[in-house]
Amino acid sequence: MKVLQLTNPMQLAEEGVRMGNCVATYSAQCATGNAYIFSIRDASGKSCATIEYRLSRSATGLPEFILIQKKGFQNASPDTKCDEALHALHRYTKSPESRHKMLTLVVYQKASEFGGADMANKYLRSLTFMKFLEKEAAGRINFEQLVTKAIEQEKIFQQL
């Protein structure tokens, strides 16, 4: 199984056709960072689940991803064959490492929301974290790579 973050209108439209759902209508929300959409694909590349997360603040003030919905074909429950990838993605989104990385995204979103593009750009320029943002596809976290890594690590721990 493979987890893919869908970040542009073309990917969202293709997923909507594959899964018979309305995920294509989320392109504006994804572009602004208000929604994070993922597709779980099997080894042949066939979609088996579409997942939506949103950023929120936990009781401790750190950002966290909240699972909004996970849907299978035509909005049915996802097939159990994608459970391992779903659980790995969910565990990663709850990890301290991902919460720390998300903090920068939340601050950027708030700077953009309240101060406009100029304020957001000033914030980005002041960040020593800028290299992280560039590596992570201009402010997006590469979940495909991180989930694959988490699954590999989990398999190693299970063997011990």
N, C-alpha and C. Protein backbone atom coordinates (compact mmCIF):
# COMPACT_ATOMS: atom_id res chain seq x y z
N MET A 1 0.84 -1.18 0.00
CA MET A 1 0.00 0.00 0.00
C MET A 1 0.88 1.24 0.00
N LYS A 2 0.34 2.27 -0.59
CA LYS A 2 1.06 3.53 -0.73
C LYS A 2 0.12 4.67 -0.34
N VAL A 3 0.64 5.66 0.40
CA VAL A 3 -0.15 6.83 0.77
C VAL A 3 0.35 8.00 -0.05
N LEU A 4 -0.56 8.68 -0.70
CA LEU A 4 -0.23 9.80 -1.57
C LEU A 4 -1.01 11.03 -1.11
N GLN A 5 -0.32 12.14 -0.90
CA GLN A 5 -1.02 13.38 -0.60
C GLN A 5 -1.45 14.01 -1.92
N LEU A 6 -2.71 14.38 -2.01
CA LEU A 6 -3.25 15.01 -3.22
C LEU A 6 -3.20 16.52 -3.00
N THR A 7 -2.44 17.22 -3.85
CA THR A 7 -2.19 18.64 -3.59
C THR A 7 -2.64 19.57 -4.70
N ASN A 8 -3.08 19.04 -5.82
CA ASN A 8 -3.49 19.95 -6.89
C ASN A 8 -4.83 19.51 -7.48
N PRO A 9 -5.50 20.43 -8.18
CA PRO A 9 -6.84 20.13 -8.71
C PRO A 9 -6.89 18.90 -9.62
N MET A 10 -5.84 18.67 -10.41
CA MET A 10 -5.81 17.52 -11.31
C MET A 10 -5.82 16.21 -10.51
N GLN A 11 -4.97 16.14 -9.49
CA GLN A 11 -4.93 14.92 -8.66
C GLN A 11 -6.28 14.69 -7.96
N LEU A 12 -6.87 15.76 -7.46
CA LEU A 12 -8.16 15.64 -6.76
C LEU A 12 -9.26 15.20 -7.73
N ALA A 13 -9.25 15.74 -8.94
CA ALA A 13 -10.25 15.35 -9.94
C ALA A 13 -10.09 13.89 -10.32
N GLU A 14 -8.84 13.46 -10.52
CA GLU A 14 -8.59 12.06 -10.87
C GLU A 14 -9.06 11.13 -9.75
N GLU A 15 -8.78 11.51 -8.51
CA GLU A 15 -9.21 10.69 -7.37
C GLU A 15 -10.74 10.63 -7.30
N GLY A 16 -11.39 11.76 -7.57
CA GLY A 16 -12.86 11.79 -7.57
C GLY A 16 -13.45 10.84 -8.59
N VAL A 17 -12.84 10.78 -9.76
CA VAL A 17 -13.31 9.86 -10.81
C VAL A 17 -13.03 8.42 -10.39
N ARG A 18 -11.82 8.15 -9.90
CA ARG A 18 -11.45 6.79 -9.48
C ARG A 18 -12.38 6.26 -8.39
N MET A 19 -12.69 7.14 -7.43
CA MET A 19 -13.42 6.70 -6.25
C MET A 19 -14.92 7.03 -6.29
N GLY A 20 -15.36 7.75 -7.29
CA GLY A 20 -16.78 8.10 -7.39
C GLY A 20 -17.22 8.98 -6.23
N ASN A 21 -16.39 9.98 -5.90
CA ASN A 21 -16.73 10.88 -4.80
C ASN A 21 -16.52 12.34 -5.21
N CYS A 22 -16.74 13.26 -4.29
CA CYS A 22 -16.69 14.70 -4.60
C CYS A 22 -15.38 15.35 -4.18
N VAL A 23 -14.30 14.59 -4.03
CA VAL A 23 -13.04 15.14 -3.53
C VAL A 23 -12.50 16.25 -4.42
N ALA A 24 -12.87 16.30 -5.68
CA ALA A 24 -12.40 17.36 -6.58
C ALA A 24 -12.84 18.74 -6.10
N THR A 25 -13.92 18.79 -5.34
CA THR A 25 -14.42 20.09 -4.85
C THR A 25 -13.58 20.65 -3.71
N TYR A 26 -12.56 19.92 -3.27
CA TYR A 26 -11.72 20.35 -2.15
C TYR A 26 -10.46 21.09 -2.60
N SER A 27 -10.32 21.41 -3.89
CA SER A 27 -9.07 22.00 -4.37
C SER A 27 -8.76 23.34 -3.71
N ALA A 28 -9.74 24.19 -3.51
CA ALA A 28 -9.48 25.49 -2.87
C ALA A 28 -9.07 25.30 -1.42
N GLN A 29 -9.71 24.38 -0.73
CA GLN A 29 -9.37 24.11 0.67
C GLN A 29 -7.97 23.53 0.80
N CYS A 30 -7.57 22.69 -0.14
CA CYS A 30 -6.21 22.13 -0.12
C CYS A 30 -5.19 23.21 -0.43
N ALA A 31 -5.50 24.09 -1.36
CA ALA A 31 -4.56 25.15 -1.75
C ALA A 31 -4.29 26.10 -0.59
N THR A 32 -5.28 26.33 0.26
CA THR A 32 -5.11 27.25 1.39
C THR A 32 -4.62 26.54 2.65
N GLY A 33 -4.49 25.22 2.60
CA GLY A 33 -4.05 24.49 3.79
C GLY A 33 -5.15 24.21 4.78
N ASN A 34 -6.41 24.41 4.36
CA ASN A 34 -7.53 24.12 5.25
C ASN A 34 -7.94 22.66 5.22
N ALA A 35 -7.52 21.94 4.21
CA ALA A 35 -7.80 20.51 4.12
C ALA A 35 -6.56 19.82 3.56
N TYR A 36 -6.31 18.62 4.04
CA TYR A 36 -5.21 17.78 3.57
C TYR A 36 -5.82 16.47 3.15
N ILE A 37 -5.74 16.18 1.86
CA ILE A 37 -6.39 15.00 1.29
C ILE A 37 -5.33 13.98 0.90
N PHE A 38 -5.59 12.73 1.24
CA PHE A 38 -4.67 11.63 0.95
C PHE A 38 -5.42 10.51 0.24
N SER A 39 -4.69 9.80 -0.59
CA SER A 39 -5.23 8.63 -1.28
C SER A 39 -4.37 7.44 -0.88
N ILE A 40 -5.03 6.36 -0.52
CA ILE A 40 -4.31 5.11 -0.25
C ILE A 40 -4.48 4.25 -1.49
N ARG A 41 -3.34 3.82 -2.02
CA ARG A 41 -3.34 3.04 -3.27
C ARG A 41 -2.71 1.68 -3.02
N ASP A 42 -3.20 0.68 -3.75
CA ASP A 42 -2.60 -0.65 -3.65
C ASP A 42 -1.37 -0.71 -4.54
N ALA A 43 -0.74 -1.86 -4.60
CA ALA A 43 0.51 -2.02 -5.34
C ALA A 43 0.36 -1.71 -6.84
N SER A 44 -0.84 -1.91 -7.37
CA SER A 44 -1.07 -1.64 -8.79
C SER A 44 -1.44 -0.17 -9.05
N GLY A 45 -1.56 0.63 -7.97
CA GLY A 45 -1.90 2.04 -8.11
C GLY A 45 -3.39 2.34 -8.02
N LYS A 46 -4.19 1.30 -7.76
CA LYS A 46 -5.64 1.49 -7.64
C LYS A 46 -5.97 2.13 -6.29
N SER A 47 -6.80 3.18 -6.30
CA SER A 47 -7.22 3.84 -5.07
C SER A 47 -8.15 2.93 -4.27
N CYS A 48 -7.92 2.87 -2.96
CA CYS A 48 -8.85 2.08 -2.12
C CYS A 48 -9.44 2.92 -1.00
N ALA A 49 -8.90 4.14 -0.77
CA ALA A 49 -9.47 5.02 0.24
C ALA A 49 -9.03 6.45 -0.02
N THR A 50 -9.93 7.39 0.31
CA THR A 50 -9.63 8.81 0.26
C THR A 50 -9.82 9.34 1.67
N ILE A 51 -8.82 10.08 2.18
CA ILE A 51 -8.83 10.53 3.58
C ILE A 51 -8.69 12.04 3.63
N GLU A 52 -9.47 12.66 4.50
CA GLU A 52 -9.37 14.11 4.73
C GLU A 52 -8.94 14.37 6.17
N TYR A 53 -7.91 15.19 6.31
CA TYR A 53 -7.47 15.69 7.61
C TYR A 53 -7.57 17.21 7.60
N ARG A 54 -7.74 17.78 8.76
CA ARG A 54 -7.68 19.24 8.93
C ARG A 54 -6.75 19.54 10.09
N LEU A 55 -6.13 20.71 10.02
CA LEU A 55 -5.26 21.15 11.11
C LEU A 55 -6.10 21.79 12.20
N SER A 56 -5.74 21.50 13.44
CA SER A 56 -6.40 22.08 14.60
C SER A 56 -5.36 22.26 15.68
N ARG A 57 -5.72 22.87 16.78
CA ARG A 57 -4.81 23.00 17.92
C ARG A 57 -5.26 22.05 19.02
N SER A 58 -4.29 21.34 19.59
CA SER A 58 -4.60 20.43 20.69
C SER A 58 -4.73 21.23 21.98
N ALA A 59 -5.06 20.56 23.06
CA ALA A 59 -5.18 21.21 24.37
C ALA A 59 -3.85 21.82 24.81
N THR A 60 -2.74 21.27 24.33
CA THR A 60 -1.41 21.79 24.69
C THR A 60 -1.00 22.97 23.83
N GLY A 61 -1.80 23.29 22.82
CA GLY A 61 -1.48 24.40 21.94
C GLY A 61 -0.73 24.00 20.69
N LEU A 62 -0.27 22.75 20.63
CA LEU A 62 0.43 22.28 19.44
C LEU A 62 -0.58 21.94 18.35
N PRO A 63 -0.19 22.13 17.11
CA PRO A 63 -1.10 21.75 16.03
C PRO A 63 -1.21 20.23 15.94
N GLU A 64 -2.36 19.79 15.49
CA GLU A 64 -2.55 18.36 15.26
C GLU A 64 -3.49 18.18 14.09
N PHE A 65 -3.33 17.06 13.42
CA PHE A 65 -4.24 16.72 12.36
C PHE A 65 -5.45 16.02 12.96
N ILE A 66 -6.61 16.43 12.53
CA ILE A 66 -7.87 15.80 12.94
C ILE A 66 -8.41 15.05 11.73
N LEU A 67 -8.68 13.77 11.92
CA LEU A 67 -9.27 12.97 10.85
C LEU A 67 -10.72 13.41 10.68
N ILE A 68 -11.05 13.90 9.51
CA ILE A 68 -12.41 14.36 9.23
C ILE A 68 -13.23 13.24 8.60
N GLN A 69 -12.65 12.59 7.61
CA GLN A 69 -13.38 11.49 6.97
C GLN A 69 -12.41 10.57 6.23
N LYS A 70 -12.81 9.32 6.14
CA LYS A 70 -12.09 8.32 5.34
C LYS A 70 -13.15 7.52 4.60
N LYS A 71 -13.02 7.52 3.30
CA LYS A 71 -14.06 6.93 2.46
C LYS A 71 -13.46 5.97 1.44
N GLY A 72 -14.20 4.91 1.18
CA GLY A 72 -13.86 3.98 0.12
C GLY A 72 -14.59 4.36 -1.15
N PHE A 73 -14.72 3.40 -2.07
CA PHE A 73 -15.37 3.65 -3.34
C PHE A 73 -16.80 4.12 -3.13
N GLN A 74 -17.20 5.18 -3.80
CA GLN A 74 -18.53 5.78 -3.72
C GLN A 74 -18.95 6.07 -2.28
N ASN A 75 -18.00 6.54 -1.50
CA ASN A 75 -18.21 6.96 -0.10
C ASN A 75 -18.60 5.83 0.86
N ALA A 76 -18.35 4.60 0.46
CA ALA A 76 -18.56 3.47 1.36
C ALA A 76 -17.39 3.42 2.34
N SER A 77 -17.45 2.53 3.30
CA SER A 77 -16.32 2.33 4.22
C SER A 77 -15.14 1.80 3.44
N PRO A 78 -13.92 2.24 3.80
CA PRO A 78 -12.74 1.75 3.08
C PRO A 78 -12.57 0.25 3.26
N ASP A 79 -12.03 -0.39 2.24
CA ASP A 79 -11.73 -1.81 2.28
C ASP A 79 -10.71 -2.08 3.39
N THR A 80 -10.84 -3.19 4.07
CA THR A 80 -9.93 -3.52 5.18
C THR A 80 -8.51 -3.75 4.71
N LYS A 81 -8.31 -3.98 3.40
CA LYS A 81 -6.94 -4.20 2.91
C LYS A 81 -6.08 -2.95 3.03
N CYS A 82 -6.70 -1.78 3.22
CA CYS A 82 -5.89 -0.56 3.37
C CYS A 82 -5.78 -0.12 4.83
N ASP A 83 -6.21 -0.97 5.77
CA ASP A 83 -6.16 -0.62 7.20
C ASP A 83 -4.74 -0.33 7.69
N GLU A 84 -3.77 -1.12 7.27
CA GLU A 84 -2.40 -0.93 7.74
C GLU A 84 -1.88 0.46 7.36
N ALA A 85 -2.12 0.85 6.12
CA ALA A 85 -1.67 2.17 5.67
C ALA A 85 -2.45 3.29 6.37
N LEU A 86 -3.75 3.09 6.57
CA LEU A 86 -4.56 4.07 7.30
C LEU A 86 -4.04 4.27 8.72
N HIS A 87 -3.75 3.16 9.40
CA HIS A 87 -3.25 3.24 10.78
C HIS A 87 -1.87 3.89 10.83
N ALA A 88 -1.01 3.57 9.88
CA ALA A 88 0.33 4.17 9.86
C ALA A 88 0.24 5.68 9.63
N LEU A 89 -0.61 6.10 8.71
CA LEU A 89 -0.79 7.54 8.46
C LEU A 89 -1.33 8.22 9.71
N HIS A 90 -2.32 7.61 10.33
CA HIS A 90 -2.91 8.22 11.53
C HIS A 90 -1.90 8.30 12.67
N ARG A 91 -1.12 7.25 12.86
CA ARG A 91 -0.09 7.28 13.92
C ARG A 91 0.92 8.38 13.66
N TYR A 92 1.33 8.51 12.39
CA TYR A 92 2.30 9.56 12.08
C TYR A 92 1.71 10.94 12.36
N THR A 93 0.45 11.17 12.00
CA THR A 93 -0.14 12.49 12.21
C THR A 93 -0.25 12.84 13.69
N LYS A 94 -0.20 11.85 14.56
CA LYS A 94 -0.29 12.09 16.00
C LYS A 94 1.08 12.15 16.67
N SER A 95 2.15 11.92 15.93
CA SER A 95 3.48 11.88 16.52
C SER A 95 3.99 13.28 16.84
N PRO A 96 4.84 13.41 17.88
CA PRO A 96 5.41 14.72 18.23
C PRO A 96 6.20 15.33 17.07
N GLU A 97 6.86 14.50 16.28
CA GLU A 97 7.64 15.00 15.14
C GLU A 97 6.73 15.72 14.15
N SER A 98 5.60 15.12 13.81
CA SER A 98 4.72 15.76 12.83
C SER A 98 4.07 17.01 13.43
N ARG A 99 3.75 16.99 14.71
CA ARG A 99 3.15 18.17 15.34
C ARG A 99 4.12 19.35 15.33
N HIS A 100 5.37 19.08 15.57
CA HIS A 100 6.38 20.14 15.55
C HIS A 100 6.47 20.75 14.14
N LYS A 101 6.47 19.90 13.12
CA LYS A 101 6.55 20.38 11.74
C LYS A 101 5.30 21.17 11.36
N MET A 102 4.15 20.75 11.88
CA MET A 102 2.90 21.43 11.54
C MET A 102 2.80 22.81 12.17
N LEU A 103 3.52 23.05 13.26
CA LEU A 103 3.45 24.35 13.93
C LEU A 103 3.80 25.47 12.96
N THR A 104 4.83 25.28 12.16
CA THR A 104 5.22 26.29 11.18
C THR A 104 4.10 26.52 10.17
N LEU A 105 3.44 25.46 9.75
CA LEU A 105 2.34 25.61 8.79
C LEU A 105 1.20 26.41 9.40
N VAL A 106 0.88 26.16 10.66
CA VAL A 106 -0.20 26.87 11.33
C VAL A 106 0.13 28.36 11.45
N VAL A 107 1.36 28.67 11.86
CA VAL A 107 1.76 30.07 12.00
C VAL A 107 1.70 30.76 10.64
N TYR A 108 2.17 30.10 9.60
CA TYR A 108 2.11 30.68 8.26
C TYR A 108 0.66 30.96 7.85
N GLN A 109 -0.23 29.98 8.09
CA GLN A 109 -1.63 30.16 7.73
C GLN A 109 -2.23 31.35 8.47
N LYS A 110 -1.94 31.48 9.76
CA LYS A 110 -2.49 32.59 10.55
C LYS A 110 -1.91 33.92 10.07
N ALA A 111 -0.63 33.95 9.76
CA ALA A 111 -0.01 35.19 9.25
C ALA A 111 -0.67 35.59 7.94
N SER A 112 -0.92 34.63 7.09
CA SER A 112 -1.56 34.90 5.81
C SER A 112 -3.00 35.35 6.00
N GLU A 113 -3.71 34.68 6.90
CA GLU A 113 -5.12 34.98 7.15
C GLU A 113 -5.32 36.38 7.74
N PHE A 114 -4.50 36.74 8.71
CA PHE A 114 -4.70 38.00 9.41
C PHE A 114 -3.88 39.16 8.84
N GLY A 115 -2.75 38.87 8.24
CA GLY A 115 -1.90 39.96 7.75
C GLY A 115 -1.72 39.98 6.26
N GLY A 116 -2.33 39.06 5.55
CA GLY A 116 -2.20 39.01 4.11
C GLY A 116 -0.89 38.40 3.66
N ALA A 117 -0.69 38.43 2.37
CA ALA A 117 0.49 37.79 1.77
C ALA A 117 1.79 38.44 2.24
N ASP A 118 1.80 39.77 2.43
CA ASP A 118 3.02 40.44 2.88
C ASP A 118 3.47 39.92 4.24
N MET A 119 2.53 39.82 5.17
CA MET A 119 2.86 39.34 6.52
C MET A 119 3.34 37.89 6.46
N ALA A 120 2.66 37.08 5.68
CA ALA A 120 3.04 35.68 5.57
C ALA A 120 4.44 35.56 4.96
N ASN A 121 4.72 36.36 3.95
CA ASN A 121 6.05 36.31 3.32
C ASN A 121 7.14 36.79 4.27
N LYS A 122 6.86 37.80 5.07
CA LYS A 122 7.84 38.26 6.07
C LYS A 122 8.12 37.13 7.06
N TYR A 123 7.08 36.45 7.47
CA TYR A 123 7.25 35.35 8.40
C TYR A 123 8.14 34.27 7.78
N LEU A 124 7.86 33.91 6.54
CA LEU A 124 8.64 32.87 5.87
C LEU A 124 10.11 33.27 5.74
N ARG A 125 10.34 34.53 5.37
CA ARG A 125 11.72 34.99 5.22
C ARG A 125 12.47 34.95 6.54
N SER A 126 11.76 35.13 7.65
CA SER A 126 12.43 35.16 8.95
C SER A 126 12.70 33.77 9.51
N LEU A 127 12.14 32.78 8.89
CA LEU A 127 12.27 31.43 9.42
C LEU A 127 13.63 30.80 9.10
N THR A 128 14.23 30.22 10.11
CA THR A 128 15.40 29.38 9.84
C THR A 128 14.91 28.03 9.33
N PHE A 129 13.61 27.84 9.46
CA PHE A 129 12.97 26.61 9.05
C PHE A 129 12.65 26.61 7.55
N MET A 130 13.04 27.63 6.85
CA MET A 130 12.72 27.78 5.44
C MET A 130 13.20 26.58 4.61
N LYS A 131 14.36 26.06 4.92
CA LYS A 131 14.87 24.92 4.17
C LYS A 131 13.95 23.72 4.31
N PHE A 132 13.39 23.55 5.51
CA PHE A 132 12.43 22.47 5.69
C PHE A 132 11.24 22.65 4.76
N LEU A 133 10.71 23.86 4.69
CA LEU A 133 9.54 24.11 3.85
C LEU A 133 9.84 23.85 2.38
N GLU A 134 11.02 24.25 1.94
CA GLU A 134 11.39 24.00 0.55
C GLU A 134 11.49 22.51 0.27
N LYS A 135 12.10 21.78 1.20
CA LYS A 135 12.22 20.33 1.03
C LYS A 135 10.85 19.67 1.02
N GLU A 136 9.95 20.18 1.78
CA GLU A 136 8.64 19.56 1.92
C GLU A 136 7.63 20.15 0.93
N ALA A 137 8.10 20.41 -0.27
CA ALA A 137 7.24 20.84 -1.39
C ALA A 137 6.47 22.12 -1.07
N ALA A 138 7.24 23.17 -0.78
CA ALA A 138 6.67 24.52 -0.59
C ALA A 138 5.60 24.56 0.49
N GLY A 139 5.94 24.02 1.64
CA GLY A 139 5.02 24.11 2.77
C GLY A 139 4.18 22.89 3.01
N ARG A 140 4.29 21.89 2.19
CA ARG A 140 3.53 20.65 2.37
C ARG A 140 4.46 19.57 2.90
N ILE A 141 3.97 18.76 3.77
CA ILE A 141 4.75 17.66 4.31
C ILE A 141 4.65 16.49 3.33
N ASN A 142 5.76 15.84 3.05
CA ASN A 142 5.77 14.69 2.14
C ASN A 142 5.32 13.45 2.91
N PHE A 143 4.00 13.29 3.00
CA PHE A 143 3.46 12.20 3.79
C PHE A 143 3.73 10.84 3.17
N GLU A 144 3.79 10.78 1.89
CA GLU A 144 4.06 9.50 1.23
C GLU A 144 5.37 8.93 1.75
N GLN A 145 6.40 9.74 1.75
CA GLN A 145 7.71 9.30 2.21
C GLN A 145 7.69 9.00 3.71
N LEU A 146 7.06 9.86 4.49
CA LEU A 146 7.05 9.68 5.94
C LEU A 146 6.24 8.45 6.36
N VAL A 147 5.12 8.19 5.71
CA VAL A 147 4.32 7.02 6.05
C VAL A 147 5.05 5.75 5.65
N THR A 148 5.69 5.76 4.49
CA THR A 148 6.47 4.60 4.06
C THR A 148 7.56 4.30 5.08
N LYS A 149 8.24 5.35 5.54
CA LYS A 149 9.29 5.20 6.55
C LYS A 149 8.70 4.65 7.86
N ALA A 150 7.55 5.17 8.27
CA ALA A 150 6.91 4.71 9.51
C ALA A 150 6.52 3.23 9.42
N ILE A 151 6.00 2.81 8.26
CA ILE A 151 5.62 1.41 8.07
C ILE A 151 6.86 0.52 8.14
N GLU A 152 7.94 0.96 7.50
CA GLU A 152 9.19 0.18 7.53
C GLU A 152 9.71 0.06 8.96
N GLN A 153 9.70 1.16 9.72
CA GLN A 153 10.17 1.11 11.08
C GLN A 153 9.30 0.21 11.95
N GLU A 154 7.99 0.27 11.72
CA GLU A 154 7.08 -0.57 12.49
C GLU A 154 7.35 -2.05 12.22
N LYS A 155 7.61 -2.40 10.97
CA LYS A 155 7.91 -3.79 10.62
C LYS A 155 9.19 -4.25 11.32
N ILE A 156 10.17 -3.38 11.40
CA ILE A 156 11.43 -3.70 12.09
C ILE A 156 11.16 -3.96 13.56
N PHE A 157 10.35 -3.08 14.20
CA PHE A 157 10.04 -3.25 15.62
C PHE A 157 9.26 -4.54 15.88
N GLN A 158 8.38 -4.92 14.94
CA GLN A 158 7.60 -6.13 15.10
C GLN A 158 8.47 -7.37 15.02
N GLN A 159 9.59 -7.27 14.28
CA GLN A 159 10.50 -8.40 14.14
C GLN A 159 11.36 -8.60 15.38
N LEU A 160 11.52 -7.56 16.18
CA LEU A 160 12.38 -7.65 17.36
C LEU A 160 11.77 -8.47 18.47
